[in-house]
Amino acid sequence: MMQSRTSCAIILPEIACFLHTGLSEIPLIGNVGSHEVAANERAVSTSWTISRHRIDYSGLERVRIVIARTTGAAIRGLLVALMVLTPALYLPTSTSNGTEIVVFLAILAFILTFSEYNSAFPSFIEFRDAPPVNRLRFVGLMSMVTFLTLICKNAYAPSDLTAVFYSIGLMVSSVVDFPYSPVRLVVLMLPGDASQPLVELVRISASIAYLAALVTIASFAYAVKLRGWPTGNGAFNVWTNLPLFDPTKGGDVVTRLQRDGRLNIAIGALLPFLIPAAIKLTAEFITPIALSDPQTLIWTLCAWAFLPASMIMRGMATLRIAGLIVEKRRSYSTAETTQIA
């Protein structure tokens, strides 16, 4: 009987450890095997303490990851909303409900950005986990909006700061605006009865927007060619960073990525020339865009310069990814050949 009690006293702590409970919850009969029980109790208590700390640590790690992701998504959403609000904060609106529309668009931009970056599953934003693609896009677009806002404000409430940016715009336009350039085409799409100050304002704004787009493209090209993007950010997840690309749709992945990349670069290079020509051709059938309104001017020229730049960056990124896949296949084939030999 004493032997059975001792064996039970030894086995019960193991069951208690497995169930993550202390020995205090298991009644012991008498003082039989007290030394063995005390030793096992200390062992189980130590094991349970270590296990509990591991559970708490993993829980805190998950909480930290969730907080970091939510905070980053909120900051990104606020920055995008601030970018949308920037022209409305400094420039007058042409309609009575223009402020309400801008606020609604800012809230919508915040919700879309926050929900995309706060979710563990991608939806439509590409290269979400492959910086600095989206960071360069945001910086480029934010630079366009800010510079054009200050330039347009110089016509309504001039100051020393707006005068500086207007002077910089004049110098840039004297270099960028040449015959058959995209900036010259934007100026030519204006109606014939446009005033000279409006023509000059469009010319300067288009020059600044186009220069900001070129700088953004050059920055990403530097990241790809000299910094080795995206190898410096770890493994590249195609599903997370290219949610709209289906690798199982058919055909070789490398061929499809190369085709998409070249097509994006070609379209992005042609769009600055095609958009003004299309607007000029359709002006006789539809009401042209009123660039006399400063906010309309800003967003029109930002879209004209940013969309082609974004497409060119996407083409460069997909070509880079295709090149990495080719290199990986070549290394695998070399390793297999070495093993066979």
C-alpha atoms as a PDB file:
ATOM      1  CA  MET A   1       0.000   0.000   0.000  1.00  0.00           C
ATOM      2  CA  MET A   2       2.806   2.371   0.854  1.00  0.00           C
ATOM      3  CA  GLN A   3       4.469   1.625  -2.488  1.00  0.00           C
ATOM      4  CA  SER A   4       1.295   2.354  -4.433  1.00  0.00           C
ATOM      5  CA  ARG A   5       0.828   5.632  -2.600  1.00  0.00           C
ATOM      6  CA  THR A   6       4.392   6.596  -3.329  1.00  0.00           C
ATOM      7  CA  SER A   7       3.995   5.769  -7.008  1.00  0.00           C
ATOM      8  CA  CYS A   8       0.768   7.750  -7.138  1.00  0.00           C
ATOM      9  CA  ALA A   9       2.513  10.661  -5.484  1.00  0.00           C
ATOM     10  CA  ILE A  10       5.196  10.509  -8.177  1.00  0.00           C
ATOM     11  CA  ILE A  11       2.797  10.098 -11.131  1.00  0.00           C
ATOM     12  CA  LEU A  12       0.261  12.714 -10.096  1.00  0.00           C
ATOM     13  CA  PRO A  13       2.703  15.656 -10.382  1.00  0.00           C
ATOM     14  CA  GLU A  14       3.491  14.629 -13.954  1.00  0.00           C
ATOM     15  CA  ILE A  15      -0.212  14.695 -14.764  1.00  0.00           C
ATOM     16  CA  ALA A  16      -0.457  18.039 -13.005  1.00  0.00           C
ATOM     17  CA  CYS A  17       2.383  19.417 -15.106  1.00  0.00           C
ATOM     18  CA  PHE A  18       0.706  18.185 -18.259  1.00  0.00           C
ATOM     19  CA  LEU A  19      -2.550  19.873 -17.304  1.00  0.00           C
ATOM     20  CA  HIS A  20      -0.725  23.095 -16.254  1.00  0.00           C
ATOM     21  CA  THR A  21      -2.000  22.906 -12.677  1.00  0.00           C
ATOM     22  CA  GLY A  22      -0.127  23.063  -9.379  1.00  0.00           C
ATOM     23  CA  LEU A  23       0.310  20.261  -6.896  1.00  0.00           C
ATOM     24  CA  SER A  24      -1.696  22.229  -4.371  1.00  0.00           C
ATOM     25  CA  GLU A  25      -4.847  21.137  -6.190  1.00  0.00           C
ATOM     26  CA  ILE A  26      -3.995  17.396  -5.812  1.00  0.00           C
ATOM     27  CA  PRO A  27      -4.786  15.994  -2.290  1.00  0.00           C
ATOM     28  CA  LEU A  28      -2.170  13.732  -0.747  1.00  0.00           C
ATOM     29  CA  ILE A  29      -3.062  11.048   1.841  1.00  0.00           C
ATOM     30  CA  GLY A  30      -0.839  11.092   4.883  1.00  0.00           C
ATOM     31  CA  ASN A  31       2.858  11.885   4.896  1.00  0.00           C
ATOM     32  CA  VAL A  32       3.894   8.876   2.866  1.00  0.00           C
ATOM     33  CA  GLY A  33       6.668   9.752   0.413  1.00  0.00           C
ATOM     34  CA  SER A  34       6.868  13.338   1.622  1.00  0.00           C
ATOM     35  CA  HIS A  35      10.437  13.819   0.415  1.00  0.00           C
ATOM     36  CA  GLU A  36       9.683  12.519  -3.051  1.00  0.00           C
ATOM     37  CA  VAL A  37       6.509  14.566  -3.209  1.00  0.00           C
ATOM     38  CA  ALA A  38       8.294  17.730  -2.138  1.00  0.00           C
ATOM     39  CA  ALA A  39      10.986  17.223  -4.777  1.00  0.00           C
ATOM     40  CA  ASN A  40       8.435  16.558  -7.479  1.00  0.00           C
ATOM     41  CA  GLU A  41       6.373  19.516  -6.340  1.00  0.00           C
ATOM     42  CA  ARG A  42       9.345  21.818  -6.721  1.00  0.00           C
ATOM     43  CA  ALA A  43      10.091  20.359 -10.169  1.00  0.00           C
ATOM     44  CA  VAL A  44       6.492  20.746 -11.303  1.00  0.00           C
ATOM     45  CA  SER A  45       6.320  24.263  -9.891  1.00  0.00           C
ATOM     46  CA  THR A  46       9.473  25.210 -11.774  1.00  0.00           C
ATOM     47  CA  SER A  47       8.201  23.568 -14.981  1.00  0.00           C
ATOM     48  CA  TRP A  48       4.851  25.307 -14.680  1.00  0.00           C
ATOM     49  CA  THR A  49       6.538  28.659 -14.031  1.00  0.00           C
ATOM     50  CA  ILE A  50       8.696  28.289 -17.148  1.00  0.00           C
ATOM     51  CA  SER A  51       5.712  27.216 -19.234  1.00  0.00           C
ATOM     52  CA  ARG A  52       3.652  30.089 -17.915  1.00  0.00           C
ATOM     53  CA  HIS A  53       6.392  32.589 -18.760  1.00  0.00           C
ATOM     54  CA  ARG A  54       6.608  31.146 -22.263  1.00  0.00           C
ATOM     55  CA  ILE A  55       2.882  31.537 -22.755  1.00  0.00           C
ATOM     56  CA  ASP A  56       2.925  35.081 -21.416  1.00  0.00           C
ATOM     57  CA  TYR A  57       5.891  35.941 -23.639  1.00  0.00           C
ATOM     58  CA  SER A  58       4.235  34.616 -26.777  1.00  0.00           C
ATOM     59  CA  GLY A  59       1.040  36.448 -25.875  1.00  0.00           C
ATOM     60  CA  LEU A  60       2.905  39.700 -25.325  1.00  0.00           C
ATOM     61  CA  GLU A  61       4.724  39.216 -28.614  1.00  0.00           C
ATOM     62  CA  ARG A  62       1.445  38.794 -30.460  1.00  0.00           C
ATOM     63  CA  VAL A  63       0.038  41.874 -28.757  1.00  0.00           C
ATOM     64  CA  ARG A  64       3.148  43.840 -29.668  1.00  0.00           C
ATOM     65  CA  ILE A  65       2.867  42.792 -33.313  1.00  0.00           C
ATOM     66  CA  VAL A  66      -0.813  43.734 -33.441  1.00  0.00           C
ATOM     67  CA  ILE A  67      -0.181  47.127 -31.826  1.00  0.00           C
ATOM     68  CA  ALA A  68       2.733  47.866 -34.158  1.00  0.00           C
ATOM     69  CA  ARG A  69       0.694  46.919 -37.228  1.00  0.00           C
ATOM     70  CA  THR A  70      -2.325  48.946 -36.116  1.00  0.00           C
ATOM     71  CA  THR A  71      -0.212  51.969 -35.227  1.00  0.00           C
ATOM     72  CA  GLY A  72       1.642  51.868 -38.540  1.00  0.00           C
ATOM     73  CA  ALA A  73      -1.613  51.549 -40.461  1.00  0.00           C
ATOM     74  CA  ALA A  74      -3.121  54.484 -38.564  1.00  0.00           C
ATOM     75  CA  ILE A  75      -0.082  56.688 -39.240  1.00  0.00           C
ATOM     76  CA  ARG A  76      -0.167  55.814 -42.937  1.00  0.00           C
ATOM     77  CA  GLY A  77      -3.883  56.565 -43.089  1.00  0.00           C
ATOM     78  CA  LEU A  78      -3.421  59.932 -41.386  1.00  0.00           C
ATOM     79  CA  LEU A  79      -0.614  60.895 -43.766  1.00  0.00           C
ATOM     80  CA  VAL A  80      -2.721  60.024 -46.808  1.00  0.00           C
ATOM     81  CA  ALA A  81      -5.703  61.937 -45.402  1.00  0.00           C
ATOM     82  CA  LEU A  82      -3.466  64.948 -44.726  1.00  0.00           C
ATOM     83  CA  MET A  83      -2.224  64.825 -48.304  1.00  0.00           C
ATOM     84  CA  VAL A  84      -5.807  64.892 -49.589  1.00  0.00           C
ATOM     85  CA  LEU A  85      -6.645  67.841 -47.318  1.00  0.00           C
ATOM     86  CA  THR A  86      -3.532  69.908 -48.114  1.00  0.00           C
ATOM     87  CA  PRO A  87      -4.889  71.872 -51.128  1.00  0.00           C
ATOM     88  CA  ALA A  88      -8.213  72.553 -49.376  1.00  0.00           C
ATOM     89  CA  LEU A  89      -6.429  73.901 -46.292  1.00  0.00           C
ATOM     90  CA  TYR A  90      -4.545  76.572 -48.218  1.00  0.00           C
ATOM     91  CA  LEU A  91      -6.625  77.326 -51.309  1.00  0.00           C
ATOM     92  CA  PRO A  92     -10.202  78.519 -51.822  1.00  0.00           C
ATOM     93  CA  THR A  93     -12.903  76.211 -53.172  1.00  0.00           C
ATOM     94  CA  SER A  94     -14.992  77.010 -56.237  1.00  0.00           C
ATOM     95  CA  THR A  95     -18.184  75.319 -54.994  1.00  0.00           C
ATOM     96  CA  SER A  96     -20.207  75.715 -51.820  1.00  0.00           C
ATOM     97  CA  ASN A  97     -19.940  72.047 -50.842  1.00  0.00           C
ATOM     98  CA  GLY A  98     -16.325  71.648 -51.917  1.00  0.00           C
ATOM     99  CA  THR A  99     -15.066  71.441 -48.330  1.00  0.00           C
ATOM    100  CA  GLU A 100     -17.494  68.632 -47.462  1.00  0.00           C
ATOM    101  CA  ILE A 101     -16.415  66.656 -50.537  1.00  0.00           C
ATOM    102  CA  VAL A 102     -12.733  67.015 -49.681  1.00  0.00           C
ATOM    103  CA  VAL A 103     -13.315  65.948 -46.066  1.00  0.00           C
ATOM    104  CA  PHE A 104     -15.285  62.911 -47.252  1.00  0.00           C
ATOM    105  CA  LEU A 105     -12.483  61.939 -49.642  1.00  0.00           C
ATOM    106  CA  ALA A 106      -9.910  62.332 -46.876  1.00  0.00           C
ATOM    107  CA  ILE A 107     -11.911  60.073 -44.541  1.00  0.00           C
ATOM    108  CA  LEU A 108     -12.342  57.539 -47.339  1.00  0.00           C
ATOM    109  CA  ALA A 109      -8.605  57.587 -48.067  1.00  0.00           C
ATOM    110  CA  PHE A 110      -7.856  57.049 -44.376  1.00  0.00           C
ATOM    111  CA  ILE A 111     -10.265  54.103 -44.117  1.00  0.00           C
ATOM    112  CA  LEU A 112      -8.923  52.409 -47.251  1.00  0.00           C
ATOM    113  CA  THR A 113      -5.287  52.850 -46.260  1.00  0.00           C
ATOM    114  CA  PHE A 114      -5.845  51.785 -42.660  1.00  0.00           C
ATOM    115  CA  SER A 115      -7.870  48.709 -43.571  1.00  0.00           C
ATOM    116  CA  GLU A 116      -5.289  47.620 -46.151  1.00  0.00           C
ATOM    117  CA  TYR A 117      -2.214  47.943 -43.937  1.00  0.00           C
ATOM    118  CA  ASN A 118      -3.940  46.713 -40.786  1.00  0.00           C
ATOM    119  CA  SER A 119      -5.074  43.497 -42.446  1.00  0.00           C
ATOM    120  CA  ALA A 120      -2.891  40.422 -42.597  1.00  0.00           C
ATOM    121  CA  PHE A 121      -4.312  39.582 -46.029  1.00  0.00           C
ATOM    122  CA  PRO A 122      -3.595  41.886 -49.004  1.00  0.00           C
ATOM    123  CA  SER A 123      -6.365  43.181 -51.244  1.00  0.00           C
ATOM    124  CA  PHE A 124      -5.293  45.708 -53.871  1.00  0.00           C
ATOM    125  CA  ILE A 125      -2.237  47.722 -52.739  1.00  0.00           C
ATOM    126  CA  GLU A 126       0.893  46.258 -54.313  1.00  0.00           C
ATOM    127  CA  PHE A 127       4.370  45.987 -52.760  1.00  0.00           C
ATOM    128  CA  ARG A 128       2.939  46.435 -49.279  1.00  0.00           C
ATOM    129  CA  ASP A 129       5.809  44.574 -47.628  1.00  0.00           C
ATOM    130  CA  ALA A 130       8.546  45.573 -50.069  1.00  0.00           C
ATOM    131  CA  PRO A 131       9.745  49.046 -49.123  1.00  0.00           C
ATOM    132  CA  PRO A 132      10.587  51.608 -50.388  1.00  0.00           C
ATOM    133  CA  VAL A 133       8.187  51.325 -53.351  1.00  0.00           C
ATOM    134  CA  ASN A 134       5.063  52.734 -51.714  1.00  0.00           C
ATOM    135  CA  ARG A 135       7.088  55.133 -49.602  1.00  0.00           C
ATOM    136  CA  LEU A 136       8.628  56.645 -52.703  1.00  0.00           C
ATOM    137  CA  ARG A 137       5.197  56.841 -54.312  1.00  0.00           C
ATOM    138  CA  PHE A 138       3.767  58.674 -51.332  1.00  0.00           C
ATOM    139  CA  VAL A 139       6.724  61.040 -51.030  1.00  0.00           C
ATOM    140  CA  GLY A 140       6.551  61.814 -54.742  1.00  0.00           C
ATOM    141  CA  LEU A 141       2.819  62.494 -54.726  1.00  0.00           C
ATOM    142  CA  MET A 142       3.007  64.466 -51.488  1.00  0.00           C
ATOM    143  CA  SER A 143       5.812  66.586 -52.953  1.00  0.00           C
ATOM    144  CA  MET A 144       3.730  67.307 -56.049  1.00  0.00           C
ATOM    145  CA  VAL A 145       0.685  68.306 -54.007  1.00  0.00           C
ATOM    146  CA  THR A 146       2.673  70.487 -51.599  1.00  0.00           C
ATOM    147  CA  PHE A 147       4.731  72.282 -54.240  1.00  0.00           C
ATOM    148  CA  LEU A 148       1.753  72.910 -56.499  1.00  0.00           C
ATOM    149  CA  THR A 149      -0.317  74.155 -53.556  1.00  0.00           C
ATOM    150  CA  LEU A 150       2.330  76.700 -52.617  1.00  0.00           C
ATOM    151  CA  ILE A 151       2.746  77.786 -56.238  1.00  0.00           C
ATOM    152  CA  CYS A 152      -1.000  78.247 -56.688  1.00  0.00           C
ATOM    153  CA  LYS A 153      -1.283  80.073 -53.375  1.00  0.00           C
ATOM    154  CA  ASN A 154       1.189  82.647 -54.635  1.00  0.00           C
ATOM    155  CA  ALA A 155      -1.557  83.922 -56.944  1.00  0.00           C
ATOM    156  CA  TYR A 156      -4.046  84.408 -54.050  1.00  0.00           C
ATOM    157  CA  ALA A 157      -2.010  85.178 -50.917  1.00  0.00           C
ATOM    158  CA  PRO A 158       1.640  85.666 -51.858  1.00  0.00           C
ATOM    159  CA  SER A 159       4.304  85.359 -49.212  1.00  0.00           C
ATOM    160  CA  ASP A 160       8.043  84.883 -49.054  1.00  0.00           C
ATOM    161  CA  LEU A 161       7.684  81.102 -49.049  1.00  0.00           C
ATOM    162  CA  THR A 162       5.291  80.984 -51.998  1.00  0.00           C
ATOM    163  CA  ALA A 163       7.459  83.441 -53.910  1.00  0.00           C
ATOM    164  CA  VAL A 164      10.473  81.147 -53.461  1.00  0.00           C
ATOM    165  CA  PHE A 165       8.604  78.132 -54.815  1.00  0.00           C
ATOM    166  CA  TYR A 166       7.183  80.200 -57.674  1.00  0.00           C
ATOM    167  CA  SER A 167      10.699  81.310 -58.607  1.00  0.00           C
ATOM    168  CA  ILE A 168      11.930  77.731 -58.494  1.00  0.00           C
ATOM    169  CA  GLY A 169       9.019  76.752 -60.735  1.00  0.00           C
ATOM    170  CA  LEU A 170      10.008  79.435 -63.245  1.00  0.00           C
ATOM    171  CA  MET A 171      13.562  78.105 -63.415  1.00  0.00           C
ATOM    172  CA  VAL A 172      12.387  74.495 -63.785  1.00  0.00           C
ATOM    173  CA  SER A 173       9.873  75.388 -66.494  1.00  0.00           C
ATOM    174  CA  SER A 174      12.543  77.159 -68.519  1.00  0.00           C
ATOM    175  CA  VAL A 175      14.412  73.824 -68.683  1.00  0.00           C
ATOM    176  CA  VAL A 176      11.577  71.303 -68.930  1.00  0.00           C
ATOM    177  CA  ASP A 177       9.278  73.242 -71.262  1.00  0.00           C
ATOM    178  CA  PHE A 178      10.694  72.732 -74.752  1.00  0.00           C
ATOM    179  CA  PRO A 179       9.002  71.891 -78.064  1.00  0.00           C
ATOM    180  CA  TYR A 180       7.167  68.524 -78.109  1.00  0.00           C
ATOM    181  CA  SER A 181       7.804  67.981 -74.408  1.00  0.00           C
ATOM    182  CA  PRO A 182       4.952  66.727 -72.183  1.00  0.00           C
ATOM    183  CA  VAL A 183       4.855  70.097 -70.427  1.00  0.00           C
ATOM    184  CA  ARG A 184       4.411  71.917 -73.726  1.00  0.00           C
ATOM    185  CA  LEU A 185       1.549  69.556 -74.622  1.00  0.00           C
ATOM    186  CA  VAL A 186      -0.174  70.331 -71.320  1.00  0.00           C
ATOM    187  CA  VAL A 187       0.048  74.047 -72.067  1.00  0.00           C
ATOM    188  CA  LEU A 188      -1.298  73.507 -75.590  1.00  0.00           C
ATOM    189  CA  MET A 189      -4.356  71.636 -74.313  1.00  0.00           C
ATOM    190  CA  LEU A 190      -5.649  74.850 -72.708  1.00  0.00           C
ATOM    191  CA  PRO A 191      -8.426  76.662 -74.591  1.00  0.00           C
ATOM    192  CA  GLY A 192      -7.427  79.466 -76.899  1.00  0.00           C
ATOM    193  CA  ASP A 193      -9.093  82.126 -74.746  1.00  0.00           C
ATOM    194  CA  ALA A 194      -7.133  81.220 -71.609  1.00  0.00           C
ATOM    195  CA  SER A 195      -5.556  84.165 -69.839  1.00  0.00           C
ATOM    196  CA  GLN A 196      -1.823  84.626 -69.769  1.00  0.00           C
ATOM    197  CA  PRO A 197      -1.535  84.237 -65.944  1.00  0.00           C
ATOM    198  CA  LEU A 198      -3.402  80.908 -66.172  1.00  0.00           C
ATOM    199  CA  VAL A 199      -1.142  79.696 -68.975  1.00  0.00           C
ATOM    200  CA  GLU A 200       1.932  80.634 -66.958  1.00  0.00           C
ATOM    201  CA  LEU A 201       0.551  78.948 -63.831  1.00  0.00           C
ATOM    202  CA  VAL A 202      -0.206  75.726 -65.733  1.00  0.00           C
ATOM    203  CA  ARG A 203       3.220  75.787 -67.333  1.00  0.00           C
ATOM    204  CA  ILE A 204       5.018  76.142 -63.988  1.00  0.00           C
ATOM    205  CA  SER A 205       2.830  73.595 -62.194  1.00  0.00           C
ATOM    206  CA  ALA A 206       3.212  71.005 -64.941  1.00  0.00           C
ATOM    207  CA  SER A 207       6.987  71.475 -64.929  1.00  0.00           C
ATOM    208  CA  ILE A 208       7.230  70.940 -61.163  1.00  0.00           C
ATOM    209  CA  ALA A 209       4.934  67.897 -61.248  1.00  0.00           C
ATOM    210  CA  TYR A 210       6.843  66.298 -64.110  1.00  0.00           C
ATOM    211  CA  LEU A 211      10.196  66.932 -62.426  1.00  0.00           C
ATOM    212  CA  ALA A 212       8.939  65.379 -59.171  1.00  0.00           C
ATOM    213  CA  ALA A 213       7.797  62.319 -61.137  1.00  0.00           C
ATOM    214  CA  LEU A 214      11.210  61.976 -62.790  1.00  0.00           C
ATOM    215  CA  VAL A 215      12.974  62.265 -59.419  1.00  0.00           C
ATOM    216  CA  THR A 216      10.698  59.573 -57.956  1.00  0.00           C
ATOM    217  CA  ILE A 217      11.473  57.201 -60.829  1.00  0.00           C
ATOM    218  CA  ALA A 218      15.192  57.904 -60.532  1.00  0.00           C
ATOM    219  CA  SER A 219      15.086  57.215 -56.774  1.00  0.00           C
ATOM    220  CA  PHE A 220      13.482  53.833 -57.315  1.00  0.00           C
ATOM    221  CA  ALA A 221      15.944  53.013 -60.079  1.00  0.00           C
ATOM    222  CA  TYR A 222      18.740  53.767 -57.615  1.00  0.00           C
ATOM    223  CA  ALA A 223      17.130  51.423 -55.060  1.00  0.00           C
ATOM    224  CA  VAL A 224      16.883  48.648 -57.655  1.00  0.00           C
ATOM    225  CA  LYS A 225      20.248  48.967 -59.364  1.00  0.00           C
ATOM    226  CA  LEU A 226      22.551  50.029 -56.548  1.00  0.00           C
ATOM    227  CA  ARG A 227      20.772  48.942 -53.357  1.00  0.00           C
ATOM    228  CA  GLY A 228      19.653  45.568 -54.718  1.00  0.00           C
ATOM    229  CA  TRP A 229      15.924  45.916 -54.037  1.00  0.00           C
ATOM    230  CA  PRO A 230      14.153  43.764 -52.847  1.00  0.00           C
ATOM    231  CA  THR A 231      16.837  41.362 -51.597  1.00  0.00           C
ATOM    232  CA  GLY A 232      17.722  43.625 -48.687  1.00  0.00           C
ATOM    233  CA  ASN A 233      14.219  43.240 -47.199  1.00  0.00           C
ATOM    234  CA  GLY A 234      14.283  39.456 -46.847  1.00  0.00           C
ATOM    235  CA  ALA A 235      12.229  36.978 -48.831  1.00  0.00           C
ATOM    236  CA  PHE A 236       9.864  38.467 -51.404  1.00  0.00           C
ATOM    237  CA  ASN A 237       6.300  37.210 -50.982  1.00  0.00           C
ATOM    238  CA  VAL A 238       4.533  37.350 -54.355  1.00  0.00           C
ATOM    239  CA  TRP A 239       1.070  36.845 -52.840  1.00  0.00           C
ATOM    240  CA  THR A 240       1.470  39.724 -50.338  1.00  0.00           C
ATOM    241  CA  ASN A 241       3.244  42.189 -52.632  1.00  0.00           C
ATOM    242  CA  LEU A 242       1.437  41.344 -55.893  1.00  0.00           C
ATOM    243  CA  PRO A 243      -2.123  40.492 -54.806  1.00  0.00           C
ATOM    244  CA  LEU A 244      -3.518  41.172 -58.280  1.00  0.00           C
ATOM    245  CA  PHE A 245      -1.036  38.821 -59.973  1.00  0.00           C
ATOM    246  CA  ASP A 246      -2.061  35.169 -60.232  1.00  0.00           C
ATOM    247  CA  PRO A 247       1.031  32.957 -60.712  1.00  0.00           C
ATOM    248  CA  THR A 248      -1.153  29.900 -61.449  1.00  0.00           C
ATOM    249  CA  LYS A 249      -3.182  31.510 -64.208  1.00  0.00           C
ATOM    250  CA  GLY A 250      -1.179  29.927 -66.997  1.00  0.00           C
ATOM    251  CA  GLY A 251       2.120  30.296 -68.798  1.00  0.00           C
ATOM    252  CA  ASP A 252       5.560  30.793 -67.395  1.00  0.00           C
ATOM    253  CA  VAL A 253       5.704  33.220 -64.467  1.00  0.00           C
ATOM    254  CA  VAL A 254       8.908  34.832 -65.706  1.00  0.00           C
ATOM    255  CA  THR A 255       7.484  35.456 -69.170  1.00  0.00           C
ATOM    256  CA  ARG A 256       4.323  36.990 -67.763  1.00  0.00           C
ATOM    257  CA  LEU A 257       6.225  39.215 -65.342  1.00  0.00           C
ATOM    258  CA  GLN A 258       8.561  40.409 -68.087  1.00  0.00           C
ATOM    259  CA  ARG A 259       5.637  41.106 -70.409  1.00  0.00           C
ATOM    260  CA  ASP A 260       3.750  43.024 -67.723  1.00  0.00           C
ATOM    261  CA  GLY A 261       6.861  44.982 -66.785  1.00  0.00           C
ATOM    262  CA  ARG A 262       7.663  46.067 -70.317  1.00  0.00           C
ATOM    263  CA  LEU A 263       4.023  46.941 -70.976  1.00  0.00           C
ATOM    264  CA  ASN A 264       3.816  49.083 -67.833  1.00  0.00           C
ATOM    265  CA  ILE A 265       7.006  50.933 -68.692  1.00  0.00           C
ATOM    266  CA  ALA A 266       5.873  51.585 -72.281  1.00  0.00           C
ATOM    267  CA  ILE A 267       2.433  52.840 -71.239  1.00  0.00           C
ATOM    268  CA  GLY A 268       3.907  54.941 -68.437  1.00  0.00           C
ATOM    269  CA  ALA A 269       6.349  56.593 -70.818  1.00  0.00           C
ATOM    270  CA  LEU A 270       3.594  57.396 -73.351  1.00  0.00           C
ATOM    271  CA  LEU A 271       0.854  58.580 -70.995  1.00  0.00           C
ATOM    272  CA  PRO A 272       2.297  62.090 -70.379  1.00  0.00           C
ATOM    273  CA  PHE A 273       2.058  62.644 -74.133  1.00  0.00           C
ATOM    274  CA  LEU A 274      -1.255  60.841 -74.711  1.00  0.00           C
ATOM    275  CA  ILE A 275      -3.309  62.421 -71.914  1.00  0.00           C
ATOM    276  CA  PRO A 276      -3.019  66.055 -73.120  1.00  0.00           C
ATOM    277  CA  ALA A 277      -3.654  64.964 -76.700  1.00  0.00           C
ATOM    278  CA  ALA A 278      -6.753  62.999 -75.671  1.00  0.00           C
ATOM    279  CA  ILE A 279      -8.105  65.934 -73.648  1.00  0.00           C
ATOM    280  CA  LYS A 280      -7.547  68.275 -76.580  1.00  0.00           C
ATOM    281  CA  LEU A 281      -9.301  65.923 -79.018  1.00  0.00           C
ATOM    282  CA  THR A 282     -12.321  65.384 -76.763  1.00  0.00           C
ATOM    283  CA  ALA A 283     -12.706  69.077 -75.871  1.00  0.00           C
ATOM    284  CA  GLU A 284     -15.123  69.535 -78.778  1.00  0.00           C
ATOM    285  CA  PHE A 285     -17.468  66.796 -77.534  1.00  0.00           C
ATOM    286  CA  ILE A 286     -17.319  67.109 -73.734  1.00  0.00           C
ATOM    287  CA  THR A 287     -16.803  69.991 -71.351  1.00  0.00           C
ATOM    288  CA  PRO A 288     -13.071  70.417 -70.786  1.00  0.00           C
ATOM    289  CA  ILE A 289     -11.555  70.400 -67.330  1.00  0.00           C
ATOM    290  CA  ALA A 290     -11.651  73.829 -65.715  1.00  0.00           C
ATOM    291  CA  LEU A 291      -8.028  74.353 -64.798  1.00  0.00           C
ATOM    292  CA  SER A 292      -8.836  77.876 -63.621  1.00  0.00           C
ATOM    293  CA  ASP A 293      -9.853  76.358 -60.284  1.00  0.00           C
ATOM    294  CA  PRO A 294      -6.630  75.883 -58.268  1.00  0.00           C
ATOM    295  CA  GLN A 295      -7.630  72.596 -56.617  1.00  0.00           C
ATOM    296  CA  THR A 296      -8.750  71.117 -59.929  1.00  0.00           C
ATOM    297  CA  LEU A 297      -5.464  72.248 -61.460  1.00  0.00           C
ATOM    298  CA  ILE A 298      -3.435  70.593 -58.701  1.00  0.00           C
ATOM    299  CA  TRP A 299      -5.161  67.216 -58.781  1.00  0.00           C
ATOM    300  CA  THR A 300      -5.297  67.098 -62.578  1.00  0.00           C
ATOM    301  CA  LEU A 301      -1.589  67.740 -62.994  1.00  0.00           C
ATOM    302  CA  CYS A 302      -0.709  65.410 -60.117  1.00  0.00           C
ATOM    303  CA  ALA A 303      -2.672  62.611 -61.773  1.00  0.00           C
ATOM    304  CA  TRP A 304      -1.077  63.423 -65.132  1.00  0.00           C
ATOM    305  CA  ALA A 305       2.438  63.127 -63.675  1.00  0.00           C
ATOM    306  CA  PHE A 306       1.995  60.532 -60.902  1.00  0.00           C
ATOM    307  CA  LEU A 307       0.092  57.773 -62.722  1.00  0.00           C
ATOM    308  CA  PRO A 308       2.748  57.326 -65.459  1.00  0.00           C
ATOM    309  CA  ALA A 309       5.515  57.416 -62.854  1.00  0.00           C
ATOM    310  CA  SER A 310       3.736  54.789 -60.772  1.00  0.00           C
ATOM    311  CA  MET A 311       3.314  52.535 -63.802  1.00  0.00           C
ATOM    312  CA  ILE A 312       6.990  52.864 -64.721  1.00  0.00           C
ATOM    313  CA  MET A 313       7.993  51.966 -61.151  1.00  0.00           C
ATOM    314  CA  ARG A 314       5.714  48.930 -61.240  1.00  0.00           C
ATOM    315  CA  GLY A 315       7.258  47.839 -64.543  1.00  0.00           C
ATOM    316  CA  MET A 316      10.763  48.181 -63.132  1.00  0.00           C
ATOM    317  CA  ALA A 317       9.750  46.207 -60.032  1.00  0.00           C
ATOM    318  CA  THR A 318       8.186  43.324 -61.965  1.00  0.00           C
ATOM    319  CA  LEU A 319      11.200  43.106 -64.261  1.00  0.00           C
ATOM    320  CA  ARG A 320      13.449  42.963 -61.217  1.00  0.00           C
ATOM    321  CA  ILE A 321      11.362  40.172 -59.679  1.00  0.00           C
ATOM    322  CA  ALA A 322      11.468  38.231 -62.948  1.00  0.00           C
ATOM    323  CA  GLY A 323      15.250  38.590 -62.975  1.00  0.00           C
ATOM    324  CA  LEU A 324      15.491  37.248 -59.428  1.00  0.00           C
ATOM    325  CA  ILE A 325      13.380  34.222 -60.363  1.00  0.00           C
ATOM    326  CA  VAL A 326      15.655  33.525 -63.343  1.00  0.00           C
ATOM    327  CA  GLU A 327      18.728  33.745 -61.106  1.00  0.00           C
ATOM    328  CA  LYS A 328      17.168  31.375 -58.591  1.00  0.00           C
ATOM    329  CA  ARG A 329      16.318  28.862 -61.300  1.00  0.00           C
ATOM    330  CA  ARG A 330      19.840  29.082 -62.658  1.00  0.00           C
ATOM    331  CA  SER A 331      21.332  28.444 -59.219  1.00  0.00           C
ATOM    332  CA  TYR A 332      19.049  25.440 -58.721  1.00  0.00           C
ATOM    333  CA  SER A 333      20.011  23.979 -62.087  1.00  0.00           C
ATOM    334  CA  THR A 334      23.704  24.520 -61.344  1.00  0.00           C
ATOM    335  CA  ALA A 335      23.347  22.805 -57.955  1.00  0.00           C
ATOM    336  CA  GLU A 336      21.548  19.834 -59.517  1.00  0.00           C
ATOM    337  CA  THR A 337      24.208  19.514 -62.214  1.00  0.00           C
ATOM    338  CA  THR A 338      26.915  19.543 -59.556  1.00  0.00           C
ATOM    339  CA  GLN A 339      25.176  16.846 -57.540  1.00  0.00           C
ATOM    340  CA  ILE A 340      24.735  14.632 -60.616  1.00  0.00           C
ATOM    341  CA  ALA A 341      28.379  15.057 -61.572  1.00  0.00           C
END
